[in-house]
Amino acid sequence: MSAYTDIAGWSRPMFAMPGRYMTVAAIAWEIGRKGSNLWLIVPKGFEFDVSVPFWARWLCDPRNPRYAKAACLHDHALSQGWDRVSAAAVFADALKADGVSRWRRLAMTVAVIIWNWS
């Protein structure tokens, strides 16, 4: 499992677009394990969302800050052409790093893999 760079105040909500955020600092995520030297870097100014279908909000509150970095990494990976499963793997590892329980991680990861499957 990797870890985020040590940053605080890394994003801000986009009030004109509820549920959307913008990074105000870059996020660096080392993929796989510490020392792998494989990095996913989300640049400052990247827009992302923490979207949860209304019916699933009892399980995952989209305002929970433990989900935001994982959602940001996932959205950035997809914007860079990653496939849904690879982006979901980074999402799951990031949720784990933020202390999300195993069962909640599993449900959320399956959801991001199958949501809007094409």
PDB file of N, CA and C in Angstrom:
ATOM      1  N   MET A   1       0.842  -1.177   0.000  1.00  0.00           N
ATOM      2  CA  MET A   1       0.000   0.000   0.000  1.00  0.00           C
ATOM      3  C   MET A   1       0.881   1.233   0.000  1.00  0.00           C
ATOM      4  N   SER A   2       0.460   2.231  -0.696  1.00  0.00           N
ATOM      5  CA  SER A   2       1.196   3.479  -0.785  1.00  0.00           C
ATOM      6  C   SER A   2       0.628   4.496   0.191  1.00  0.00           C
ATOM      7  N   ALA A   3       1.114   5.696   0.120  1.00  0.00           N
ATOM      8  CA  ALA A   3       0.607   6.780   0.971  1.00  0.00           C
ATOM      9  C   ALA A   3       0.646   8.078   0.195  1.00  0.00           C
ATOM     10  N   TYR A   4      -0.223   8.994   0.587  1.00  0.00           N
ATOM     11  CA  TYR A   4      -0.252  10.296  -0.051  1.00  0.00           C
ATOM     12  C   TYR A   4       0.949  11.110   0.376  1.00  0.00           C
ATOM     13  N   THR A   5       1.279  12.076  -0.445  1.00  0.00           N
ATOM     14  CA  THR A   5       2.248  13.049   0.008  1.00  0.00           C
ATOM     15  C   THR A   5       1.615  13.794   1.171  1.00  0.00           C
ATOM     16  N   ASP A   6       2.420  14.364   2.017  1.00  0.00           N
ATOM     17  CA  ASP A   6       1.924  15.050   3.203  1.00  0.00           C
ATOM     18  C   ASP A   6       1.424  16.432   2.814  1.00  0.00           C
ATOM     19  N   ILE A   7       0.114  16.523   2.554  1.00  0.00           N
ATOM     20  CA  ILE A   7      -0.468  17.807   2.181  1.00  0.00           C
ATOM     21  C   ILE A   7      -1.729  18.037   2.992  1.00  0.00           C
ATOM     22  N   ALA A   8      -2.031  19.276   3.208  1.00  0.00           N
ATOM     23  CA  ALA A   8      -3.277  19.665   3.876  1.00  0.00           C
ATOM     24  C   ALA A   8      -3.931  20.728   3.005  1.00  0.00           C
ATOM     25  N   GLY A   9      -5.238  20.806   3.061  1.00  0.00           N
ATOM     26  CA  GLY A   9      -5.941  21.795   2.262  1.00  0.00           C
ATOM     27  C   GLY A   9      -5.674  21.639   0.782  1.00  0.00           C
ATOM     28  N   TRP A  10      -5.737  20.435   0.283  1.00  0.00           N
ATOM     29  CA  TRP A  10      -5.340  20.117  -1.087  1.00  0.00           C
ATOM     30  C   TRP A  10      -6.437  20.356  -2.115  1.00  0.00           C
ATOM     31  N   SER A  11      -7.694  20.537  -1.659  1.00  0.00           N
ATOM     32  CA  SER A  11      -8.780  20.756  -2.615  1.00  0.00           C
ATOM     33  C   SER A  11      -9.778  21.761  -2.047  1.00  0.00           C
ATOM     34  N   ARG A  12     -10.645  22.235  -2.943  1.00  0.00           N
ATOM     35  CA  ARG A  12     -11.724  23.129  -2.518  1.00  0.00           C
ATOM     36  C   ARG A  12     -12.967  22.787  -3.323  1.00  0.00           C
ATOM     37  N   PRO A  13     -14.145  22.973  -2.696  1.00  0.00           N
ATOM     38  CA  PRO A  13     -15.378  22.718  -3.446  1.00  0.00           C
ATOM     39  C   PRO A  13     -15.599  23.781  -4.512  1.00  0.00           C
ATOM     40  N   MET A  14     -16.239  23.372  -5.575  1.00  0.00           N
ATOM     41  CA  MET A  14     -16.629  24.302  -6.636  1.00  0.00           C
ATOM     42  C   MET A  14     -18.098  24.624  -6.396  1.00  0.00           C
ATOM     43  N   PHE A  15     -18.360  25.716  -5.706  1.00  0.00           N
ATOM     44  CA  PHE A  15     -19.701  26.026  -5.231  1.00  0.00           C
ATOM     45  C   PHE A  15     -20.717  26.157  -6.357  1.00  0.00           C
ATOM     46  N   ALA A  16     -20.289  26.572  -7.526  1.00  0.00           N
ATOM     47  CA  ALA A  16     -21.207  26.694  -8.656  1.00  0.00           C
ATOM     48  C   ALA A  16     -21.625  25.323  -9.187  1.00  0.00           C
ATOM     49  N   MET A  17     -20.869  24.280  -8.810  1.00  0.00           N
ATOM     50  CA  MET A  17     -21.140  22.926  -9.296  1.00  0.00           C
ATOM     51  C   MET A  17     -21.128  21.977  -8.095  1.00  0.00           C
ATOM     52  N   PRO A  18     -22.249  21.807  -7.410  1.00  0.00           N
ATOM     53  CA  PRO A  18     -22.288  20.954  -6.213  1.00  0.00           C
ATOM     54  C   PRO A  18     -21.750  19.549  -6.480  1.00  0.00           C
ATOM     55  N   GLY A  19     -20.958  19.054  -5.535  1.00  0.00           N
ATOM     56  CA  GLY A  19     -20.385  17.717  -5.665  1.00  0.00           C
ATOM     57  C   GLY A  19     -19.078  17.677  -6.419  1.00  0.00           C
ATOM     58  N   ARG A  20     -18.664  18.819  -6.961  1.00  0.00           N
ATOM     59  CA  ARG A  20     -17.393  18.885  -7.708  1.00  0.00           C
ATOM     60  C   ARG A  20     -16.368  19.649  -6.896  1.00  0.00           C
ATOM     61  N   TYR A  21     -15.125  19.277  -7.099  1.00  0.00           N
ATOM     62  CA  TYR A  21     -14.008  19.862  -6.370  1.00  0.00           C
ATOM     63  C   TYR A  21     -12.882  20.180  -7.341  1.00  0.00           C
ATOM     64  N   MET A  22     -11.939  20.997  -6.874  1.00  0.00           N
ATOM     65  CA  MET A  22     -10.742  21.320  -7.644  1.00  0.00           C
ATOM     66  C   MET A  22      -9.540  21.217  -6.713  1.00  0.00           C
ATOM     67  N   THR A  23      -8.474  20.611  -7.218  1.00  0.00           N
ATOM     68  CA  THR A  23      -7.261  20.535  -6.411  1.00  0.00           C
ATOM     69  C   THR A  23      -6.599  21.913  -6.372  1.00  0.00           C
ATOM     70  N   VAL A  24      -6.121  22.294  -5.200  1.00  0.00           N
ATOM     71  CA  VAL A  24      -5.391  23.555  -5.053  1.00  0.00           C
ATOM     72  C   VAL A  24      -3.913  23.272  -4.779  1.00  0.00           C
ATOM     73  N   ALA A  25      -3.583  22.004  -4.726  1.00  0.00           N
ATOM     74  CA  ALA A  25      -2.200  21.542  -4.610  1.00  0.00           C
ATOM     75  C   ALA A  25      -2.119  20.203  -5.342  1.00  0.00           C
ATOM     76  N   ALA A  26      -0.964  19.885  -5.849  1.00  0.00           N
ATOM     77  CA  ALA A  26      -0.775  18.597  -6.521  1.00  0.00           C
ATOM     78  C   ALA A  26      -0.846  17.465  -5.499  1.00  0.00           C
ATOM     79  N   ILE A  27      -1.300  16.317  -5.960  1.00  0.00           N
ATOM     80  CA  ILE A  27      -1.322  15.108  -5.131  1.00  0.00           C
ATOM     81  C   ILE A  27      -0.403  14.089  -5.782  1.00  0.00           C
ATOM     82  N   ALA A  28       0.465  13.501  -4.993  1.00  0.00           N
ATOM     83  CA  ALA A  28       1.347  12.443  -5.497  1.00  0.00           C
ATOM     84  C   ALA A  28       0.980  11.141  -4.794  1.00  0.00           C
ATOM     85  N   TRP A  29       0.792  10.110  -5.567  1.00  0.00           N
ATOM     86  CA  TRP A  29       0.435   8.788  -5.047  1.00  0.00           C
ATOM     87  C   TRP A  29       1.400   7.776  -5.627  1.00  0.00           C
ATOM     88  N   GLU A  30       2.107   7.073  -4.769  1.00  0.00           N
ATOM     89  CA  GLU A  30       3.028   6.034  -5.228  1.00  0.00           C
ATOM     90  C   GLU A  30       2.231   4.748  -5.383  1.00  0.00           C
ATOM     91  N   ILE A  31       2.211   4.239  -6.581  1.00  0.00           N
ATOM     92  CA  ILE A  31       1.389   3.078  -6.914  1.00  0.00           C
ATOM     93  C   ILE A  31       2.051   1.804  -6.407  1.00  0.00           C
ATOM     94  N   GLY A  32       1.210   0.929  -5.868  1.00  0.00           N
ATOM     95  CA  GLY A  32       1.708  -0.366  -5.414  1.00  0.00           C
ATOM     96  C   GLY A  32       2.221  -0.308  -3.996  1.00  0.00           C
ATOM     97  N   ARG A  33       3.515  -0.218  -3.851  1.00  0.00           N
ATOM     98  CA  ARG A  33       4.118  -0.184  -2.512  1.00  0.00           C
ATOM     99  C   ARG A  33       5.142   0.931  -2.444  1.00  0.00           C
ATOM    100  N   LYS A  34       5.453   1.333  -1.240  1.00  0.00           N
ATOM    101  CA  LYS A  34       6.455   2.376  -1.049  1.00  0.00           C
ATOM    102  C   LYS A  34       7.779   1.903  -1.653  1.00  0.00           C
ATOM    103  N   GLY A  35       8.385   2.768  -2.443  1.00  0.00           N
ATOM    104  CA  GLY A  35       9.633   2.426  -3.104  1.00  0.00           C
ATOM    105  C   GLY A  35       9.457   1.896  -4.515  1.00  0.00           C
ATOM    106  N   SER A  36       8.208   1.770  -4.985  1.00  0.00           N
ATOM    107  CA  SER A  36       7.981   1.260  -6.341  1.00  0.00           C
ATOM    108  C   SER A  36       8.450   2.266  -7.391  1.00  0.00           C
ATOM    109  N   ASN A  37       8.467   3.525  -7.013  1.00  0.00           N
ATOM    110  CA  ASN A  37       8.862   4.616  -7.903  1.00  0.00           C
ATOM    111  C   ASN A  37       7.932   4.745  -9.120  1.00  0.00           C
ATOM    112  N   LEU A  38       6.696   4.268  -8.972  1.00  0.00           N
ATOM    113  CA  LEU A  38       5.650   4.444  -9.975  1.00  0.00           C
ATOM    114  C   LEU A  38       4.649   5.428  -9.374  1.00  0.00           C
ATOM    115  N   TRP A  39       4.515   6.577  -9.987  1.00  0.00           N
ATOM    116  CA  TRP A  39       3.723   7.646  -9.390  1.00  0.00           C
ATOM    117  C   TRP A  39       2.550   8.047 -10.258  1.00  0.00           C
ATOM    118  N   LEU A  40       1.443   8.351  -9.617  1.00  0.00           N
ATOM    119  CA  LEU A  40       0.306   9.008 -10.242  1.00  0.00           C
ATOM    120  C   LEU A  40       0.278  10.405  -9.631  1.00  0.00           C
ATOM    121  N   ILE A  41       0.481  11.412 -10.456  1.00  0.00           N
ATOM    122  CA  ILE A  41       0.536  12.802  -9.987  1.00  0.00           C
ATOM    123  C   ILE A  41      -0.703  13.532 -10.506  1.00  0.00           C
ATOM    124  N   VAL A  42      -1.502  14.032  -9.591  1.00  0.00           N
ATOM    125  CA  VAL A  42      -2.669  14.835  -9.957  1.00  0.00           C
ATOM    126  C   VAL A  42      -2.248  16.293  -9.853  1.00  0.00           C
ATOM    127  N   PRO A  43      -2.338  17.045 -10.937  1.00  0.00           N
ATOM    128  CA  PRO A  43      -1.856  18.425 -10.912  1.00  0.00           C
ATOM    129  C   PRO A  43      -2.811  19.373 -10.183  1.00  0.00           C
ATOM    130  N   LYS A  44      -2.262  20.466  -9.759  1.00  0.00           N
ATOM    131  CA  LYS A  44      -3.061  21.554  -9.200  1.00  0.00           C
ATOM    132  C   LYS A  44      -4.048  22.004 -10.278  1.00  0.00           C
ATOM    133  N   GLY A  45      -5.298  22.276  -9.888  1.00  0.00           N
ATOM    134  CA  GLY A  45      -6.305  22.741 -10.831  1.00  0.00           C
ATOM    135  C   GLY A  45      -7.139  21.634 -11.453  1.00  0.00           C
ATOM    136  N   PHE A  46      -6.903  20.377 -11.075  1.00  0.00           N
ATOM    137  CA  PHE A  46      -7.685  19.262 -11.626  1.00  0.00           C
ATOM    138  C   PHE A  46      -9.070  19.244 -10.984  1.00  0.00           C
ATOM    139  N   GLU A  47     -10.107  19.143 -11.807  1.00  0.00           N
ATOM    140  CA  GLU A  47     -11.485  19.077 -11.327  1.00  0.00           C
ATOM    141  C   GLU A  47     -11.933  17.624 -11.249  1.00  0.00           C
ATOM    142  N   PHE A  48     -12.609  17.286 -10.154  1.00  0.00           N
ATOM    143  CA  PHE A  48     -13.097  15.921  -9.954  1.00  0.00           C
ATOM    144  C   PHE A  48     -14.390  15.963  -9.163  1.00  0.00           C
ATOM    145  N   ASP A  49     -15.046  14.810  -9.088  1.00  0.00           N
ATOM    146  CA  ASP A  49     -16.253  14.744  -8.266  1.00  0.00           C
ATOM    147  C   ASP A  49     -16.200  13.528  -7.354  1.00  0.00           C
ATOM    148  N   VAL A  50     -16.990  13.608  -6.317  1.00  0.00           N
ATOM    149  CA  VAL A  50     -17.184  12.485  -5.412  1.00  0.00           C
ATOM    150  C   VAL A  50     -18.659  12.130  -5.572  1.00  0.00           C
ATOM    151  N   SER A  51     -18.938  11.336  -6.588  1.00  0.00           N
ATOM    152  CA  SER A  51     -20.334  11.034  -6.910  1.00  0.00           C
ATOM    153  C   SER A  51     -20.740   9.697  -6.311  1.00  0.00           C
ATOM    154  N   VAL A  52     -21.881   9.736  -5.659  1.00  0.00           N
ATOM    155  CA  VAL A  52     -22.481   8.537  -5.076  1.00  0.00           C
ATOM    156  C   VAL A  52     -23.957   8.578  -5.443  1.00  0.00           C
ATOM    157  N   PRO A  53     -24.479   7.519  -6.069  1.00  0.00           N
ATOM    158  CA  PRO A  53     -25.910   7.526  -6.389  1.00  0.00           C
ATOM    159  C   PRO A  53     -26.749   7.748  -5.131  1.00  0.00           C
ATOM    160  N   PHE A  54     -27.857   8.434  -5.283  1.00  0.00           N
ATOM    161  CA  PHE A  54     -28.713   8.771  -4.139  1.00  0.00           C
ATOM    162  C   PHE A  54     -29.033   7.541  -3.295  1.00  0.00           C
ATOM    163  N   TRP A  55     -29.350   6.421  -3.955  1.00  0.00           N
ATOM    164  CA  TRP A  55     -29.760   5.218  -3.246  1.00  0.00           C
ATOM    165  C   TRP A  55     -28.625   4.577  -2.434  1.00  0.00           C
ATOM    166  N   ALA A  56     -27.362   4.954  -2.714  1.00  0.00           N
ATOM    167  CA  ALA A  56     -26.224   4.365  -2.002  1.00  0.00           C
ATOM    168  C   ALA A  56     -25.632   5.295  -0.940  1.00  0.00           C
ATOM    169  N   ARG A  57     -26.234   6.443  -0.745  1.00  0.00           N
ATOM    170  CA  ARG A  57     -25.668   7.406   0.215  1.00  0.00           C
ATOM    171  C   ARG A  57     -25.771   6.961   1.658  1.00  0.00           C
ATOM    172  N   TRP A  58     -26.597   5.976   1.946  1.00  0.00           N
ATOM    173  CA  TRP A  58     -26.639   5.431   3.301  1.00  0.00           C
ATOM    174  C   TRP A  58     -25.329   4.700   3.607  1.00  0.00           C
ATOM    175  N   LEU A  59     -24.677   4.212   2.564  1.00  0.00           N
ATOM    176  CA  LEU A  59     -23.415   3.491   2.715  1.00  0.00           C
ATOM    177  C   LEU A  59     -22.218   4.433   2.633  1.00  0.00           C
ATOM    178  N   CYS A  60     -22.264   5.392   1.723  1.00  0.00           N
ATOM    179  CA  CYS A  60     -21.124   6.272   1.465  1.00  0.00           C
ATOM    180  C   CYS A  60     -21.591   7.711   1.320  1.00  0.00           C
ATOM    181  N   ASP A  61     -21.327   8.522   2.310  1.00  0.00           N
ATOM    182  CA  ASP A  61     -21.668   9.945   2.240  1.00  0.00           C
ATOM    183  C   ASP A  61     -20.616  10.637   1.379  1.00  0.00           C
ATOM    184  N   PRO A  62     -21.010  11.236   0.244  1.00  0.00           N
ATOM    185  CA  PRO A  62     -20.016  11.843  -0.646  1.00  0.00           C
ATOM    186  C   PRO A  62     -19.268  13.020  -0.014  1.00  0.00           C
ATOM    187  N   ARG A  63     -19.748  13.530   1.104  1.00  0.00           N
ATOM    188  CA  ARG A  63     -19.050  14.636   1.783  1.00  0.00           C
ATOM    189  C   ARG A  63     -17.984  14.145   2.754  1.00  0.00           C
ATOM    190  N   ASN A  64     -17.871  12.836   2.926  1.00  0.00           N
ATOM    191  CA  ASN A  64     -16.876  12.293   3.842  1.00  0.00           C
ATOM    192  C   ASN A  64     -15.482  12.528   3.259  1.00  0.00           C
ATOM    193  N   PRO A  65     -14.618  13.269   3.958  1.00  0.00           N
ATOM    194  CA  PRO A  65     -13.293  13.591   3.401  1.00  0.00           C
ATOM    195  C   PRO A  65     -12.394  12.374   3.190  1.00  0.00           C
ATOM    196  N   ARG A  66     -12.713  11.240   3.833  1.00  0.00           N
ATOM    197  CA  ARG A  66     -11.895  10.038   3.618  1.00  0.00           C
ATOM    198  C   ARG A  66     -12.036   9.492   2.201  1.00  0.00           C
ATOM    199  N   TYR A  67     -13.063   9.900   1.465  1.00  0.00           N
ATOM    200  CA  TYR A  67     -13.284   9.407   0.110  1.00  0.00           C
ATOM    201  C   TYR A  67     -12.749  10.339  -0.967  1.00  0.00           C
ATOM    202  N   ALA A  68     -12.477  11.588  -0.613  1.00  0.00           N
ATOM    203  CA  ALA A  68     -12.160  12.609  -1.616  1.00  0.00           C
ATOM    204  C   ALA A  68     -10.860  12.341  -2.370  1.00  0.00           C
ATOM    205  N   LYS A  69      -9.775  12.021  -1.665  1.00  0.00           N
ATOM    206  CA  LYS A  69      -8.508  11.799  -2.366  1.00  0.00           C
ATOM    207  C   LYS A  69      -8.593  10.583  -3.280  1.00  0.00           C
ATOM    208  N   ALA A  70      -9.255   9.540  -2.808  1.00  0.00           N
ATOM    209  CA  ALA A  70      -9.413   8.344  -3.639  1.00  0.00           C
ATOM    210  C   ALA A  70     -10.206   8.672  -4.900  1.00  0.00           C
ATOM    211  N   ALA A  71     -11.269   9.459  -4.746  1.00  0.00           N
ATOM    212  CA  ALA A  71     -12.071   9.852  -5.906  1.00  0.00           C
ATOM    213  C   ALA A  71     -11.252  10.704  -6.869  1.00  0.00           C
ATOM    214  N   CYS A  72     -10.443  11.597  -6.323  1.00  0.00           N
ATOM    215  CA  CYS A  72      -9.594  12.448  -7.155  1.00  0.00           C
ATOM    216  C   CYS A  72      -8.593  11.607  -7.950  1.00  0.00           C
ATOM    217  N   LEU A  73      -7.925  10.684  -7.285  1.00  0.00           N
ATOM    218  CA  LEU A  73      -6.964   9.808  -7.970  1.00  0.00           C
ATOM    219  C   LEU A  73      -7.662   8.976  -9.043  1.00  0.00           C
ATOM    220  N   HIS A  74      -8.817   8.435  -8.711  1.00  0.00           N
ATOM    221  CA  HIS A  74      -9.574   7.617  -9.657  1.00  0.00           C
ATOM    222  C   HIS A  74      -9.955   8.426 -10.893  1.00  0.00           C
ATOM    223  N   ASP A  75     -10.523   9.616 -10.684  1.00  0.00           N
ATOM    224  CA  ASP A  75     -10.939  10.447 -11.813  1.00  0.00           C
ATOM    225  C   ASP A  75      -9.751  10.868 -12.671  1.00  0.00           C
ATOM    226  N   HIS A  76      -8.633  11.179 -12.019  1.00  0.00           N
ATOM    227  CA  HIS A  76      -7.449  11.577 -12.785  1.00  0.00           C
ATOM    228  C   HIS A  76      -6.914  10.397 -13.603  1.00  0.00           C
ATOM    229  N   ALA A  77      -6.867   9.223 -12.999  1.00  0.00           N
ATOM    230  CA  ALA A  77      -6.398   8.037 -13.736  1.00  0.00           C
ATOM    231  C   ALA A  77      -7.272   7.795 -14.966  1.00  0.00           C
ATOM    232  N   LEU A  78      -8.589   7.905 -14.805  1.00  0.00           N
ATOM    233  CA  LEU A  78      -9.479   7.733 -15.956  1.00  0.00           C
ATOM    234  C   LEU A  78      -9.233   8.802 -17.010  1.00  0.00           C
ATOM    235  N   SER A  79      -8.984  10.035 -16.572  1.00  0.00           N
ATOM    236  CA  SER A  79      -8.742  11.117 -17.539  1.00  0.00           C
ATOM    237  C   SER A  79      -7.439  10.916 -18.302  1.00  0.00           C
ATOM    238  N   GLN A  80      -6.541  10.107 -17.748  1.00  0.00           N
ATOM    239  CA  GLN A  80      -5.266   9.817 -18.403  1.00  0.00           C
ATOM    240  C   GLN A  80      -5.336   8.565 -19.272  1.00  0.00           C
ATOM    241  N   GLY A  81      -6.540   7.996 -19.419  1.00  0.00           N
ATOM    242  CA  GLY A  81      -6.718   6.848 -20.292  1.00  0.00           C
ATOM    243  C   GLY A  81      -6.593   5.493 -19.619  1.00  0.00           C
ATOM    244  N   TRP A  82      -6.512   5.469 -18.297  1.00  0.00           N
ATOM    245  CA  TRP A  82      -6.458   4.186 -17.595  1.00  0.00           C
ATOM    246  C   TRP A  82      -7.780   3.462 -17.787  1.00  0.00           C
ATOM    247  N   ASP A  83      -7.744   2.140 -17.758  1.00  0.00           N
ATOM    248  CA  ASP A  83      -8.989   1.379 -17.813  1.00  0.00           C
ATOM    249  C   ASP A  83      -9.662   1.426 -16.439  1.00  0.00           C
ATOM    250  N   ARG A  84     -10.939   1.098 -16.399  1.00  0.00           N
ATOM    251  CA  ARG A  84     -11.741   1.222 -15.164  1.00  0.00           C
ATOM    252  C   ARG A  84     -11.206   0.353 -14.038  1.00  0.00           C
ATOM    253  N   VAL A  85     -10.731  -0.844 -14.334  1.00  0.00           N
ATOM    254  CA  VAL A  85     -10.265  -1.754 -13.289  1.00  0.00           C
ATOM    255  C   VAL A  85      -8.955  -1.258 -12.681  1.00  0.00           C
ATOM    256  N   SER A  86      -8.032  -0.780 -13.504  1.00  0.00           N
ATOM    257  CA  SER A  86      -6.762  -0.256 -12.983  1.00  0.00           C
ATOM    258  C   SER A  86      -6.993   0.996 -12.135  1.00  0.00           C
ATOM    259  N   ALA A  87      -7.875   1.882 -12.602  1.00  0.00           N
ATOM    260  CA  ALA A  87      -8.197   3.085 -11.826  1.00  0.00           C
ATOM    261  C   ALA A  87      -8.882   2.701 -10.517  1.00  0.00           C
ATOM    262  N   ALA A  88      -9.713   1.662 -10.541  1.00  0.00           N
ATOM    263  CA  ALA A  88     -10.386   1.203  -9.332  1.00  0.00           C
ATOM    264  C   ALA A  88      -9.405   0.609  -8.329  1.00  0.00           C
ATOM    265  N   ALA A  89      -8.322  -0.011  -8.807  1.00  0.00           N
ATOM    266  CA  ALA A  89      -7.307  -0.559  -7.898  1.00  0.00           C
ATOM    267  C   ALA A  89      -6.628   0.555  -7.113  1.00  0.00           C
ATOM    268  N   VAL A  90      -6.300   1.647  -7.787  1.00  0.00           N
ATOM    269  CA  VAL A  90      -5.709   2.806  -7.103  1.00  0.00           C
ATOM    270  C   VAL A  90      -6.727   3.389  -6.126  1.00  0.00           C
ATOM    271  N   PHE A  91      -7.980   3.475  -6.553  1.00  0.00           N
ATOM    272  CA  PHE A  91      -9.068   3.957  -5.703  1.00  0.00           C
ATOM    273  C   PHE A  91      -9.152   3.138  -4.418  1.00  0.00           C
ATOM    274  N   ALA A  92      -9.135   1.807  -4.549  1.00  0.00           N
ATOM    275  CA  ALA A  92      -9.231   0.921  -3.386  1.00  0.00           C
ATOM    276  C   ALA A  92      -8.039   1.097  -2.447  1.00  0.00           C
ATOM    277  N   ASP A  93      -6.834   1.178  -2.999  1.00  0.00           N
ATOM    278  CA  ASP A  93      -5.646   1.369  -2.162  1.00  0.00           C
ATOM    279  C   ASP A  93      -5.695   2.708  -1.437  1.00  0.00           C
ATOM    280  N   ALA A  94      -6.185   3.741  -2.120  1.00  0.00           N
ATOM    281  CA  ALA A  94      -6.280   5.063  -1.496  1.00  0.00           C
ATOM    282  C   ALA A  94      -7.319   5.064  -0.377  1.00  0.00           C
ATOM    283  N   LEU A  95      -8.433   4.370  -0.577  1.00  0.00           N
ATOM    284  CA  LEU A  95      -9.423   4.258   0.495  1.00  0.00           C
ATOM    285  C   LEU A  95      -8.828   3.551   1.704  1.00  0.00           C
ATOM    286  N   LYS A  96      -8.056   2.511   1.446  1.00  0.00           N
ATOM    287  CA  LYS A  96      -7.410   1.781   2.536  1.00  0.00           C
ATOM    288  C   LYS A  96      -6.453   2.695   3.303  1.00  0.00           C
ATOM    289  N   ALA A  97      -5.688   3.504   2.576  1.00  0.00           N
ATOM    290  CA  ALA A  97      -4.750   4.430   3.216  1.00  0.00           C
ATOM    291  C   ALA A  97      -5.477   5.455   4.082  1.00  0.00           C
ATOM    292  N   ASP A  98      -6.714   5.770   3.723  1.00  0.00           N
ATOM    293  CA  ASP A  98      -7.496   6.723   4.505  1.00  0.00           C
ATOM    294  C   ASP A  98      -8.369   6.049   5.559  1.00  0.00           C
ATOM    295  N   GLY A  99      -8.146   4.761   5.798  1.00  0.00           N
ATOM    296  CA  GLY A  99      -8.802   4.079   6.907  1.00  0.00           C
ATOM    297  C   GLY A  99     -10.220   3.621   6.665  1.00  0.00           C
ATOM    298  N   VAL A 100     -10.620   3.484   5.416  1.00  0.00           N
ATOM    299  CA  VAL A 100     -11.965   3.002   5.101  1.00  0.00           C
ATOM    300  C   VAL A 100     -11.995   1.488   5.308  1.00  0.00           C
ATOM    301  N   SER A 101     -13.064   0.995   5.940  1.00  0.00           N
ATOM    302  CA  SER A 101     -13.165  -0.424   6.271  1.00  0.00           C
ATOM    303  C   SER A 101     -13.135  -1.302   5.020  1.00  0.00           C
ATOM    304  N   ARG A 102     -12.738  -2.534   5.222  1.00  0.00           N
ATOM    305  CA  ARG A 102     -12.602  -3.499   4.123  1.00  0.00           C
ATOM    306  C   ARG A 102     -13.908  -3.672   3.355  1.00  0.00           C
ATOM    307  N   TRP A 103     -15.038  -3.851   4.048  1.00  0.00           N
ATOM    308  CA  TRP A 103     -16.309  -4.094   3.376  1.00  0.00           C
ATOM    309  C   TRP A 103     -16.795  -2.864   2.620  1.00  0.00           C
ATOM    310  N   ARG A 104     -16.605  -1.680   3.201  1.00  0.00           N
ATOM    311  CA  ARG A 104     -17.005  -0.449   2.513  1.00  0.00           C
ATOM    312  C   ARG A 104     -16.127  -0.235   1.277  1.00  0.00           C
ATOM    313  N   ARG A 105     -14.809  -0.507   1.409  1.00  0.00           N
ATOM    314  CA  ARG A 105     -13.898  -0.409   0.253  1.00  0.00           C
ATOM    315  C   ARG A 105     -14.337  -1.339  -0.859  1.00  0.00           C
ATOM    316  N   LEU A 106     -14.686  -2.559  -0.510  1.00  0.00           N
ATOM    317  CA  LEU A 106     -15.121  -3.534  -1.504  1.00  0.00           C
ATOM    318  C   LEU A 106     -16.366  -3.028  -2.235  1.00  0.00           C
ATOM    319  N   ALA A 107     -17.361  -2.570  -1.488  1.00  0.00           N
ATOM    320  CA  ALA A 107     -18.598  -2.082  -2.109  1.00  0.00           C
ATOM    321  C   ALA A 107     -18.319  -0.878  -3.002  1.00  0.00           C
ATOM    322  N   MET A 108     -17.503   0.039  -2.543  1.00  0.00           N
ATOM    323  CA  MET A 108     -17.201   1.241  -3.316  1.00  0.00           C
ATOM    324  C   MET A 108     -16.383   0.909  -4.562  1.00  0.00           C
ATOM    325  N   THR A 109     -15.443  -0.005  -4.434  1.00  0.00           N
ATOM    326  CA  THR A 109     -14.598  -0.375  -5.567  1.00  0.00           C
ATOM    327  C   THR A 109     -15.405  -1.091  -6.643  1.00  0.00           C
ATOM    328  N   VAL A 110     -16.253  -2.012  -6.244  1.00  0.00           N
ATOM    329  CA  VAL A 110     -17.118  -2.686  -7.216  1.00  0.00           C
ATOM    330  C   VAL A 110     -17.999  -1.651  -7.912  1.00  0.00           C
ATOM    331  N   ALA A 111     -18.507  -0.691  -7.148  1.00  0.00           N
ATOM    332  CA  ALA A 111     -19.375   0.340  -7.730  1.00  0.00           C
ATOM    333  C   ALA A 111     -18.644   1.164  -8.787  1.00  0.00           C
ATOM    334  N   VAL A 112     -17.398   1.571  -8.524  1.00  0.00           N
ATOM    335  CA  VAL A 112     -16.702   2.391  -9.519  1.00  0.00           C
ATOM    336  C   VAL A 112     -16.301   1.562 -10.747  1.00  0.00           C
ATOM    337  N   ILE A 113     -16.132   0.263 -10.572  1.00  0.00           N
ATOM    338  CA  ILE A 113     -15.812  -0.574 -11.732  1.00  0.00           C
ATOM    339  C   ILE A 113     -17.026  -0.731 -12.639  1.00  0.00           C
ATOM    340  N   ILE A 114     -18.201  -0.960 -12.049  1.00  0.00           N
ATOM    341  CA  ILE A 114     -19.373  -1.246 -12.884  1.00  0.00           C
ATOM    342  C   ILE A 114     -20.194  -0.008 -13.233  1.00  0.00           C
ATOM    343  N   TRP A 115     -19.997   1.111 -12.542  1.00  0.00           N
ATOM    344  CA  TRP A 115     -20.786   2.308 -12.823  1.00  0.00           C
ATOM    345  C   TRP A 115     -20.495   2.804 -14.237  1.00  0.00           C
ATOM    346  N   ASN A 116     -21.521   3.011 -15.018  1.00  0.00           N
ATOM    347  CA  ASN A 116     -21.405   3.478 -16.406  1.00  0.00           C
ATOM    348  C   ASN A 116     -20.514   2.575 -17.253  1.00  0.00           C
ATOM    349  N   TRP A 117     -20.567   1.303 -16.988  1.00  0.00           N
ATOM    350  CA  TRP A 117     -19.745   0.347 -17.747  1.00  0.00           C
ATOM    351  C   TRP A 117     -20.102   0.445 -19.225  1.00  0.00           C
ATOM    352  N   SER A 118     -19.058   0.519 -20.057  1.00  0.00           N
ATOM    353  CA  SER A 118     -19.338   0.600 -21.501  1.00  0.00           C
ATOM    354  C   SER A 118     -18.499  -0.389 -22.264  1.00  0.00           C
TER     355      SER A 118
END
